[in-house]
Amino acid sequence: MRRRKFCSRQKPFDSAGISPFEHASPRLADVLLNNLQTRMKALIIFGAIVGFLIGAGFGMASSSPWPATLWRSCAAALVATILTRWWSRVWLQGLRDSLNQRRTRRPSSTPFIQPVKKL
């Protein structure tokens, strides 16, 4: 079974067929979730670059030889990539859940309030 990708053009409909988000402007969650694969790749590459720069910075600060600095930089890039991948999945899943929650939320009617009896 093929899983459908999220698309910001898909609009939820209530039982009457009317979309509550007919005139809503695109939200940050829509933009981030629209091209999920591209965003995930960009976040992972960004994490690898940051990890490599941190490893290289610490290697140069400790005045290690170049081969050791390069090795530590590559290891730091790998660790940062794994952490960035985990964090971005958690973050994007939270965005997806909150967007789905907003779309499926039904407007609740105001509860009936009983008048206060005088003593």
Protein backbone atom coordinates (compact mmCIF):
# COMPACT_ATOMS: atom_id res chain seq x y z
CA MET A 1 0.00 0.00 0.00
CA ARG A 2 1.49 3.31 -1.07
CA ARG A 3 1.50 6.10 1.47
CA ARG A 4 0.25 9.46 0.30
CA LYS A 5 2.51 12.45 0.77
CA PHE A 6 1.27 15.48 2.64
CA CYS A 7 0.32 18.33 0.39
CA SER A 8 -0.71 21.79 1.55
CA ARG A 9 -3.33 21.90 -1.21
CA GLN A 10 -5.29 19.10 0.42
CA LYS A 11 -7.98 20.59 2.58
CA PRO A 12 -9.94 18.85 5.29
CA PHE A 13 -13.70 18.86 4.94
CA ASP A 14 -16.33 18.56 7.59
CA SER A 15 -19.49 16.51 7.16
CA ALA A 16 -21.16 19.28 5.11
CA GLY A 17 -18.23 19.40 2.68
CA ILE A 18 -17.14 22.87 3.77
CA SER A 19 -13.48 23.45 4.52
CA PRO A 20 -12.79 25.43 7.72
CA PHE A 21 -9.45 26.53 6.25
CA GLU A 22 -10.81 27.90 2.97
CA HIS A 23 -9.27 31.33 3.36
CA ALA A 24 -6.34 30.46 5.64
CA SER A 25 -2.89 31.60 4.61
CA PRO A 26 -0.11 28.97 4.45
CA ARG A 27 1.35 28.29 7.86
CA LEU A 28 4.91 27.44 8.76
CA ALA A 29 3.89 23.82 9.34
CA ASP A 30 2.40 23.64 5.83
CA VAL A 31 5.59 25.00 4.30
CA LEU A 32 7.88 22.71 6.30
CA LEU A 33 5.82 19.58 5.71
CA ASN A 34 5.19 20.24 2.02
CA ASN A 35 8.65 19.15 0.83
CA LEU A 36 9.51 16.78 3.65
CA GLN A 37 12.29 14.86 1.88
CA THR A 38 14.06 18.04 0.78
CA ARG A 39 13.80 19.58 4.24
CA MET A 40 15.11 16.44 5.92
CA LYS A 41 18.12 16.27 3.58
CA ALA A 42 18.90 19.92 4.20
CA LEU A 43 18.72 19.47 7.98
CA ILE A 44 20.97 16.40 7.89
CA ILE A 45 23.56 18.13 5.70
CA PHE A 46 23.46 21.17 7.98
CA GLY A 47 24.03 18.91 11.01
CA ALA A 48 27.00 17.23 9.31
CA ILE A 49 28.61 20.58 8.46
CA VAL A 50 28.11 21.91 11.98
CA GLY A 51 29.53 18.70 13.48
CA PHE A 52 32.54 18.78 11.19
CA LEU A 53 33.25 22.42 12.05
CA ILE A 54 32.92 21.73 15.78
CA GLY A 55 35.29 18.74 15.51
CA ALA A 56 37.79 20.73 13.45
CA GLY A 57 37.60 23.65 15.88
CA PHE A 58 38.29 21.46 18.89
CA GLY A 59 41.06 19.64 17.02
CA MET A 60 42.79 22.89 16.12
CA ALA A 61 42.29 24.28 19.62
CA SER A 62 44.05 21.27 21.12
CA SER A 63 46.84 21.63 18.50
CA SER A 64 46.46 18.02 17.35
CA PRO A 65 48.17 16.84 14.15
CA TRP A 66 46.10 17.19 10.97
CA PRO A 67 45.25 13.49 10.54
CA ALA A 68 43.89 13.27 14.09
CA THR A 69 41.96 16.53 13.62
CA LEU A 70 40.43 15.26 10.38
CA TRP A 71 39.48 11.92 11.97
CA ARG A 72 37.84 13.63 14.96
CA SER A 73 36.05 16.07 12.67
CA CYS A 74 34.57 13.21 10.63
CA ALA A 75 33.49 11.39 13.79
CA ALA A 76 31.89 14.58 15.12
CA ALA A 77 30.10 15.07 11.79
CA LEU A 78 28.67 11.55 12.01
CA VAL A 79 27.47 12.03 15.58
CA ALA A 80 25.97 15.44 14.77
CA THR A 81 24.24 13.99 11.70
CA ILE A 82 22.62 11.22 13.75
CA LEU A 83 21.50 13.69 16.41
CA THR A 84 20.16 16.13 13.82
CA ARG A 85 18.24 13.37 12.06
CA TRP A 86 16.64 12.26 15.33
CA TRP A 87 15.82 15.82 16.39
CA SER A 88 14.37 16.81 13.01
CA ARG A 89 12.14 13.71 12.93
CA VAL A 90 10.82 14.50 16.40
CA TRP A 91 10.29 18.15 15.48
CA LEU A 92 8.58 17.46 12.14
CA GLN A 93 6.39 14.76 13.72
CA GLY A 94 5.30 17.31 16.33
CA LEU A 95 4.48 19.81 13.58
CA ARG A 96 2.53 17.17 11.67
CA ASP A 97 0.58 16.15 14.77
CA SER A 98 -0.30 19.72 15.71
CA LEU A 99 -1.40 20.49 12.16
CA ASN A 100 -3.60 17.39 12.04
CA GLN A 101 -5.01 18.25 15.45
CA ARG A 102 -5.94 21.73 14.26
CA ARG A 103 -7.55 20.39 11.12
CA THR A 104 -9.63 17.76 12.88
CA ARG A 105 -10.69 19.92 15.81
CA ARG A 106 -14.39 20.57 15.85
CA PRO A 107 -15.64 23.87 17.20
CA SER A 108 -17.31 23.04 20.47
CA SER A 109 -20.62 24.59 21.27
CA THR A 110 -20.78 26.69 24.39
CA PRO A 111 -21.92 24.64 27.36
CA PHE A 112 -25.22 25.47 28.96
CA ILE A 113 -24.62 27.48 32.11
CA GLN A 114 -27.24 27.18 34.82
CA PRO A 115 -28.21 30.39 36.57
CA VAL A 116 -27.09 30.78 40.15
CA LYS A 117 -29.86 30.36 42.72
CA LYS A 118 -30.27 33.10 45.28
CA LEU A 119 -30.14 32.05 48.91
